[in-house]
Every structure is written in structure tokens, then in C-alpha cells.
Amino acid sequence: EGGVFGTSSAQTISSASSGNDQQQQQGGLYKAVSTGAPLHVIQNIAEVDPDATARQNNGGMTPLHCAIERYDVDTQVLLTLLASNPGAASIRSRRGYNSVDLLWIRFVDPEPFRSDEVKVRAS
């Protein structure tokens, strides 16, 4: 049905990600997370390609890293990504952060540059 985030799930997202090299390497799951796709789209992609949760972009970020750092991503998305491939949580980005590190930053000790509004939404 029409757009990238319509009801036509994973194949549409995967083919939509062919714009640049980083997205090609990362695949549709990263694009879906980074652009705020609905939960059902992320669930569909993770079901079709659970290994996508472990694919890293040029900065070493996985879709889970991205979801945690966005602050506006619902915790159900985080749980979906974790359940799809629990081992991906231990992957470290090029900055040396794994998912637990980023969760700590998001929920316990937010970065000082984050606005109070963003910190409240993240909790």
C-alpha cells in the first residue's frame, strides 16, 4: 500500500534502503528504526531477517543502538529488537558502547545536552 511504512512489511523497507552505501550495508531494519517506522514494520523485518539486528553501520551502530539513542523510540521497539537477536546487545559501536551502556545513558544518566522534555520522554 503506497509508502515505505505501509502495511506491506519487510520487503518494501529493504528495497527502500538502497539509497546510500551505509543503508545498503545496514539494510531495511536500521532504516526503519532510524526513521521512526511503526512497531509492526520493525517486527516484520526482524521476523524475516533476525540477523539484521546485528548488522553495524559505518559507526558500528546496530539498529538497537540507533533505537536507544533516538530517545523517542518506544520501549516496545527496544524489546522487539532484543527478543529478535539477544546476542546483538553485546555488540560495541566504534565509540565503544554496547546496548547496556546506551540504556544506562538513556534511562539512568542522560547526557547533559538532552533537554528536560527529551529526558522525560525517554523514561
N, C-alpha and C. Protein backbone atom coordinates (compact mmCIF):
# COMPACT_ATOMS: atom_id res chain seq x y z
N GLU A 1 0.83 -1.18 0.00
CA GLU A 1 0.00 0.00 0.00
C GLU A 1 0.87 1.23 0.00
N GLY A 2 1.18 1.80 -1.04
CA GLY A 2 1.81 3.09 -1.06
C GLY A 2 3.12 3.20 -0.33
N GLY A 3 3.36 3.84 0.68
CA GLY A 3 4.65 4.23 1.21
C GLY A 3 5.50 3.15 1.82
N VAL A 4 6.66 3.55 2.20
CA VAL A 4 7.64 2.67 2.81
C VAL A 4 7.09 2.05 4.08
N PHE A 5 6.29 2.77 4.86
CA PHE A 5 5.83 2.28 6.14
C PHE A 5 4.39 1.83 6.11
N GLY A 6 3.86 1.51 4.93
CA GLY A 6 2.51 0.98 4.82
C GLY A 6 2.46 -0.44 5.36
N THR A 7 1.41 -1.13 5.10
CA THR A 7 1.23 -2.46 5.67
C THR A 7 2.01 -3.54 4.94
N SER A 8 2.76 -3.19 3.93
CA SER A 8 3.45 -4.20 3.15
C SER A 8 4.84 -4.54 3.67
N SER A 9 5.09 -4.55 4.86
CA SER A 9 6.20 -5.05 5.66
C SER A 9 7.61 -4.99 5.09
N ALA A 10 8.38 -6.02 5.39
CA ALA A 10 9.83 -6.01 5.29
C ALA A 10 10.39 -5.81 3.90
N GLN A 11 9.81 -6.39 2.89
CA GLN A 11 10.37 -6.29 1.56
C GLN A 11 10.38 -4.85 1.07
N THR A 12 9.33 -4.10 1.37
CA THR A 12 9.28 -2.71 0.97
C THR A 12 10.38 -1.91 1.65
N ILE A 13 10.57 -2.13 2.94
CA ILE A 13 11.60 -1.42 3.69
C ILE A 13 12.96 -1.78 3.14
N SER A 14 13.22 -3.07 2.92
CA SER A 14 14.53 -3.48 2.43
C SER A 14 14.85 -2.86 1.08
N SER A 15 13.89 -2.83 0.19
CA SER A 15 14.17 -2.26 -1.12
C SER A 15 14.28 -0.75 -1.06
N ALA A 16 13.64 -0.13 -0.08
CA ALA A 16 13.71 1.32 0.06
C ALA A 16 15.05 1.79 0.59
N SER A 17 15.85 0.88 1.12
CA SER A 17 17.10 1.29 1.76
C SER A 17 18.27 1.34 0.80
N SER A 18 18.04 1.25 -0.49
CA SER A 18 19.14 1.16 -1.44
C SER A 18 19.74 2.51 -1.81
N GLY A 19 19.39 3.57 -1.10
CA GLY A 19 19.84 4.90 -1.44
C GLY A 19 21.31 5.15 -1.26
N ASN A 20 21.93 4.76 -0.17
CA ASN A 20 23.35 5.01 0.01
C ASN A 20 24.05 3.76 0.53
N ASP A 21 25.38 3.78 0.48
CA ASP A 21 26.15 2.59 0.84
C ASP A 21 25.91 2.15 2.28
N GLN A 22 25.84 3.09 3.20
CA GLN A 22 25.64 2.74 4.60
C GLN A 22 24.31 2.03 4.77
N GLN A 23 23.27 2.53 4.15
CA GLN A 23 21.96 1.90 4.27
C GLN A 23 21.94 0.55 3.56
N GLN A 24 22.66 0.41 2.45
CA GLN A 24 22.72 -0.88 1.78
C GLN A 24 23.37 -1.91 2.69
N GLN A 25 24.46 -1.53 3.35
CA GLN A 25 25.15 -2.45 4.25
C GLN A 25 24.25 -2.76 5.44
N GLN A 26 23.61 -1.76 5.98
CA GLN A 26 22.80 -1.90 7.17
C GLN A 26 21.49 -2.61 6.89
N GLY A 27 20.84 -2.30 5.81
CA GLY A 27 19.58 -2.93 5.47
C GLY A 27 18.37 -2.17 5.96
N GLY A 28 17.23 -2.77 5.71
CA GLY A 28 15.96 -2.12 5.99
C GLY A 28 15.66 -1.92 7.46
N LEU A 29 16.14 -2.80 8.33
CA LEU A 29 15.82 -2.67 9.75
C LEU A 29 16.40 -1.39 10.33
N TYR A 30 17.64 -1.09 10.01
CA TYR A 30 18.24 0.14 10.52
C TYR A 30 17.48 1.36 10.00
N LYS A 31 17.14 1.34 8.73
CA LYS A 31 16.39 2.46 8.15
C LYS A 31 15.04 2.62 8.84
N ALA A 32 14.36 1.50 9.06
CA ALA A 32 13.06 1.56 9.72
C ALA A 32 13.18 2.16 11.12
N VAL A 33 14.17 1.72 11.87
CA VAL A 33 14.36 2.25 13.24
C VAL A 33 14.76 3.71 13.19
N SER A 34 15.71 4.04 12.33
CA SER A 34 16.24 5.41 12.31
C SER A 34 15.23 6.44 11.81
N THR A 35 14.22 5.98 11.07
CA THR A 35 13.21 6.92 10.58
C THR A 35 11.90 6.86 11.36
N GLY A 36 11.88 6.06 12.43
CA GLY A 36 10.70 6.02 13.28
C GLY A 36 9.53 5.22 12.73
N ALA A 37 9.83 4.14 12.04
CA ALA A 37 8.76 3.29 11.49
C ALA A 37 7.90 2.73 12.62
N PRO A 38 6.65 2.42 12.32
CA PRO A 38 5.77 1.82 13.33
C PRO A 38 6.30 0.47 13.81
N LEU A 39 5.91 0.10 15.01
CA LEU A 39 6.35 -1.15 15.63
C LEU A 39 6.09 -2.36 14.73
N HIS A 40 4.93 -2.45 14.12
CA HIS A 40 4.62 -3.63 13.31
C HIS A 40 5.57 -3.79 12.13
N VAL A 41 6.06 -2.70 11.58
CA VAL A 41 7.03 -2.78 10.48
C VAL A 41 8.36 -3.32 10.99
N ILE A 42 8.80 -2.83 12.12
CA ILE A 42 10.06 -3.30 12.71
C ILE A 42 9.94 -4.77 13.09
N GLN A 43 8.81 -5.17 13.65
CA GLN A 43 8.58 -6.58 13.98
C GLN A 43 8.64 -7.45 12.74
N ASN A 44 8.01 -7.02 11.65
CA ASN A 44 8.02 -7.81 10.42
C ASN A 44 9.42 -7.99 9.87
N ILE A 45 10.19 -6.94 9.86
CA ILE A 45 11.56 -7.03 9.34
C ILE A 45 12.39 -7.94 10.22
N ALA A 46 12.28 -7.78 11.54
CA ALA A 46 13.06 -8.60 12.46
C ALA A 46 12.68 -10.08 12.35
N GLU A 47 11.42 -10.38 12.06
CA GLU A 47 10.99 -11.76 11.87
C GLU A 47 11.58 -12.35 10.60
N VAL A 48 11.57 -11.56 9.53
CA VAL A 48 12.08 -12.04 8.23
C VAL A 48 13.60 -12.18 8.26
N ASP A 49 14.28 -11.27 8.95
CA ASP A 49 15.75 -11.24 8.94
C ASP A 49 16.28 -10.91 10.34
N PRO A 50 16.24 -11.87 11.28
CA PRO A 50 16.71 -11.59 12.64
C PRO A 50 18.18 -11.19 12.71
N ASP A 51 18.98 -11.61 11.74
CA ASP A 51 20.39 -11.23 11.74
C ASP A 51 20.59 -9.73 11.48
N ALA A 52 19.56 -9.08 10.94
CA ALA A 52 19.66 -7.64 10.67
C ALA A 52 19.90 -6.85 11.95
N THR A 53 19.49 -7.38 13.09
CA THR A 53 19.69 -6.67 14.36
C THR A 53 21.16 -6.57 14.72
N ALA A 54 22.00 -7.40 14.15
CA ALA A 54 23.43 -7.39 14.47
C ALA A 54 24.27 -6.66 13.42
N ARG A 55 23.65 -6.20 12.34
CA ARG A 55 24.41 -5.50 11.30
C ARG A 55 24.76 -4.10 11.76
N GLN A 56 26.01 -3.74 11.57
CA GLN A 56 26.50 -2.43 12.02
C GLN A 56 26.69 -1.49 10.85
N ASN A 57 26.44 -0.20 11.09
CA ASN A 57 26.71 0.80 10.08
C ASN A 57 28.18 1.20 10.18
N ASN A 58 28.58 2.23 9.45
CA ASN A 58 29.99 2.64 9.44
C ASN A 58 30.48 3.10 10.81
N GLY A 59 29.57 3.54 11.67
CA GLY A 59 29.93 3.94 13.03
C GLY A 59 29.83 2.81 14.03
N GLY A 60 29.56 1.62 13.53
CA GLY A 60 29.44 0.46 14.40
C GLY A 60 28.10 0.36 15.10
N MET A 61 27.14 1.18 14.67
CA MET A 61 25.83 1.20 15.31
C MET A 61 24.93 0.13 14.71
N THR A 62 24.27 -0.62 15.58
CA THR A 62 23.25 -1.59 15.17
C THR A 62 21.89 -0.91 15.23
N PRO A 63 20.85 -1.55 14.71
CA PRO A 63 19.51 -0.98 14.87
C PRO A 63 19.14 -0.76 16.35
N LEU A 64 19.60 -1.65 17.23
CA LEU A 64 19.32 -1.48 18.65
C LEU A 64 20.02 -0.24 19.20
N HIS A 65 21.28 -0.04 18.85
CA HIS A 65 21.98 1.18 19.26
C HIS A 65 21.19 2.41 18.82
N CYS A 66 20.77 2.39 17.56
CA CYS A 66 20.03 3.52 17.00
C CYS A 66 18.73 3.76 17.76
N ALA A 67 18.00 2.69 18.02
CA ALA A 67 16.72 2.81 18.73
C ALA A 67 16.92 3.41 20.12
N ILE A 68 17.96 2.99 20.80
CA ILE A 68 18.21 3.50 22.15
C ILE A 68 18.61 4.97 22.10
N GLU A 69 19.44 5.33 21.16
CA GLU A 69 19.92 6.70 21.09
C GLU A 69 18.88 7.69 20.57
N ARG A 70 17.85 7.23 19.90
CA ARG A 70 16.83 8.14 19.38
C ARG A 70 15.99 8.79 20.49
N TYR A 71 15.86 8.18 21.63
CA TYR A 71 15.10 8.70 22.77
C TYR A 71 13.60 8.79 22.53
N ASP A 72 13.15 8.88 21.29
CA ASP A 72 11.71 8.93 21.03
C ASP A 72 11.15 7.59 20.59
N VAL A 73 11.99 6.58 20.58
CA VAL A 73 11.57 5.25 20.18
C VAL A 73 10.92 4.56 21.38
N ASP A 74 9.76 3.99 21.16
CA ASP A 74 9.03 3.30 22.21
C ASP A 74 9.82 2.10 22.72
N THR A 75 9.70 1.81 24.00
CA THR A 75 10.43 0.68 24.57
C THR A 75 10.01 -0.65 23.95
N GLN A 76 8.82 -0.74 23.36
CA GLN A 76 8.40 -1.97 22.67
C GLN A 76 9.31 -2.26 21.49
N VAL A 77 9.80 -1.21 20.84
CA VAL A 77 10.75 -1.41 19.73
C VAL A 77 12.04 -1.99 20.29
N LEU A 78 12.51 -1.46 21.42
CA LEU A 78 13.73 -1.99 22.04
C LEU A 78 13.55 -3.46 22.40
N LEU A 79 12.43 -3.79 22.99
CA LEU A 79 12.15 -5.18 23.37
C LEU A 79 12.06 -6.10 22.16
N THR A 80 11.47 -5.62 21.08
CA THR A 80 11.37 -6.40 19.85
C THR A 80 12.76 -6.71 19.30
N LEU A 81 13.62 -5.70 19.26
CA LEU A 81 14.97 -5.90 18.73
C LEU A 81 15.77 -6.85 19.62
N LEU A 82 15.64 -6.69 20.93
CA LEU A 82 16.35 -7.59 21.86
C LEU A 82 15.86 -9.03 21.74
N ALA A 83 14.55 -9.21 21.65
CA ALA A 83 13.99 -10.56 21.56
C ALA A 83 14.36 -11.23 20.24
N SER A 84 14.48 -10.45 19.19
CA SER A 84 14.79 -10.99 17.88
C SER A 84 16.18 -11.60 17.82
N ASN A 85 17.13 -10.99 18.51
CA ASN A 85 18.52 -11.46 18.47
C ASN A 85 19.23 -10.97 19.73
N PRO A 86 19.06 -11.66 20.86
CA PRO A 86 19.64 -11.19 22.12
C PRO A 86 21.16 -10.98 22.08
N GLY A 87 21.85 -11.75 21.29
CA GLY A 87 23.30 -11.62 21.20
C GLY A 87 23.76 -10.28 20.65
N ALA A 88 22.90 -9.63 19.89
CA ALA A 88 23.25 -8.33 19.30
C ALA A 88 23.43 -7.25 20.37
N ALA A 89 22.89 -7.47 21.55
CA ALA A 89 23.01 -6.48 22.62
C ALA A 89 24.44 -6.29 23.09
N SER A 90 25.29 -7.27 22.86
CA SER A 90 26.68 -7.15 23.33
C SER A 90 27.61 -6.49 22.31
N ILE A 91 27.12 -6.20 21.14
CA ILE A 91 27.94 -5.58 20.09
C ILE A 91 28.28 -4.16 20.49
N ARG A 92 29.54 -3.81 20.35
CA ARG A 92 30.00 -2.46 20.69
C ARG A 92 30.11 -1.60 19.43
N SER A 93 29.74 -0.34 19.59
CA SER A 93 29.89 0.62 18.49
C SER A 93 31.35 1.04 18.41
N ARG A 94 31.67 1.84 17.42
CA ARG A 94 33.05 2.33 17.31
C ARG A 94 33.43 3.23 18.48
N ARG A 95 32.44 3.81 19.12
CA ARG A 95 32.70 4.62 20.32
C ARG A 95 32.87 3.75 21.55
N GLY A 96 32.69 2.44 21.40
CA GLY A 96 32.91 1.50 22.49
C GLY A 96 31.68 1.19 23.33
N TYR A 97 30.52 1.67 22.92
CA TYR A 97 29.29 1.44 23.69
C TYR A 97 28.54 0.20 23.20
N ASN A 98 28.12 -0.62 24.16
CA ASN A 98 27.18 -1.68 23.81
C ASN A 98 25.78 -1.21 24.23
N SER A 99 24.80 -2.04 24.03
CA SER A 99 23.42 -1.63 24.30
C SER A 99 23.18 -1.32 25.77
N VAL A 100 23.80 -2.07 26.66
CA VAL A 100 23.63 -1.80 28.09
C VAL A 100 24.18 -0.42 28.44
N ASP A 101 25.33 -0.09 27.89
CA ASP A 101 25.90 1.25 28.12
C ASP A 101 24.93 2.34 27.67
N LEU A 102 24.36 2.15 26.49
CA LEU A 102 23.45 3.16 25.95
C LEU A 102 22.14 3.22 26.73
N LEU A 103 21.66 2.08 27.19
CA LEU A 103 20.45 2.07 28.02
C LEU A 103 20.71 2.82 29.33
N TRP A 104 21.88 2.63 29.91
CA TRP A 104 22.24 3.35 31.13
C TRP A 104 22.22 4.86 30.87
N ILE A 105 22.81 5.27 29.77
CA ILE A 105 22.84 6.70 29.43
C ILE A 105 21.42 7.22 29.21
N ARG A 106 20.59 6.45 28.55
CA ARG A 106 19.23 6.91 28.24
C ARG A 106 18.35 6.99 29.48
N PHE A 107 18.36 5.94 30.30
CA PHE A 107 17.39 5.86 31.39
C PHE A 107 17.92 6.27 32.76
N VAL A 108 19.23 6.20 32.99
CA VAL A 108 19.76 6.47 34.32
C VAL A 108 20.55 7.78 34.37
N ASP A 109 21.40 7.99 33.40
CA ASP A 109 22.30 9.14 33.43
C ASP A 109 22.33 9.83 32.07
N PRO A 110 21.21 10.51 31.70
CA PRO A 110 21.15 11.14 30.36
C PRO A 110 22.25 12.18 30.16
N GLU A 111 22.65 12.29 28.93
CA GLU A 111 23.69 13.27 28.58
C GLU A 111 23.20 14.67 28.89
N PRO A 112 24.09 15.55 29.34
CA PRO A 112 23.67 16.89 29.76
C PRO A 112 23.06 17.75 28.66
N PHE A 113 23.39 17.48 27.41
CA PHE A 113 22.85 18.30 26.33
C PHE A 113 21.40 17.96 26.00
N ARG A 114 20.88 16.86 26.52
CA ARG A 114 19.49 16.49 26.26
C ARG A 114 18.56 17.42 27.03
N SER A 115 17.51 17.87 26.39
CA SER A 115 16.55 18.76 27.05
C SER A 115 15.77 17.98 28.10
N ASP A 116 15.20 18.70 29.06
CA ASP A 116 14.40 18.05 30.09
C ASP A 116 13.22 17.31 29.46
N GLU A 117 12.62 17.90 28.44
CA GLU A 117 11.49 17.26 27.77
C GLU A 117 11.89 15.91 27.17
N VAL A 118 13.04 15.87 26.54
CA VAL A 118 13.52 14.63 25.93
C VAL A 118 13.82 13.61 27.02
N LYS A 119 14.41 14.05 28.12
CA LYS A 119 14.72 13.13 29.22
C LYS A 119 13.45 12.53 29.80
N VAL A 120 12.40 13.32 29.92
CA VAL A 120 11.13 12.83 30.45
C VAL A 120 10.52 11.81 29.49
N ARG A 121 10.55 12.10 28.19
CA ARG A 121 10.02 11.16 27.19
C ARG A 121 10.77 9.85 27.20
N ALA A 122 12.07 9.90 27.48
CA ALA A 122 12.90 8.70 27.45
C ALA A 122 12.64 7.78 28.63
N SER A 123 12.09 8.32 29.68
CA SER A 123 11.90 7.49 30.89
C SER A 123 10.60 6.74 30.90
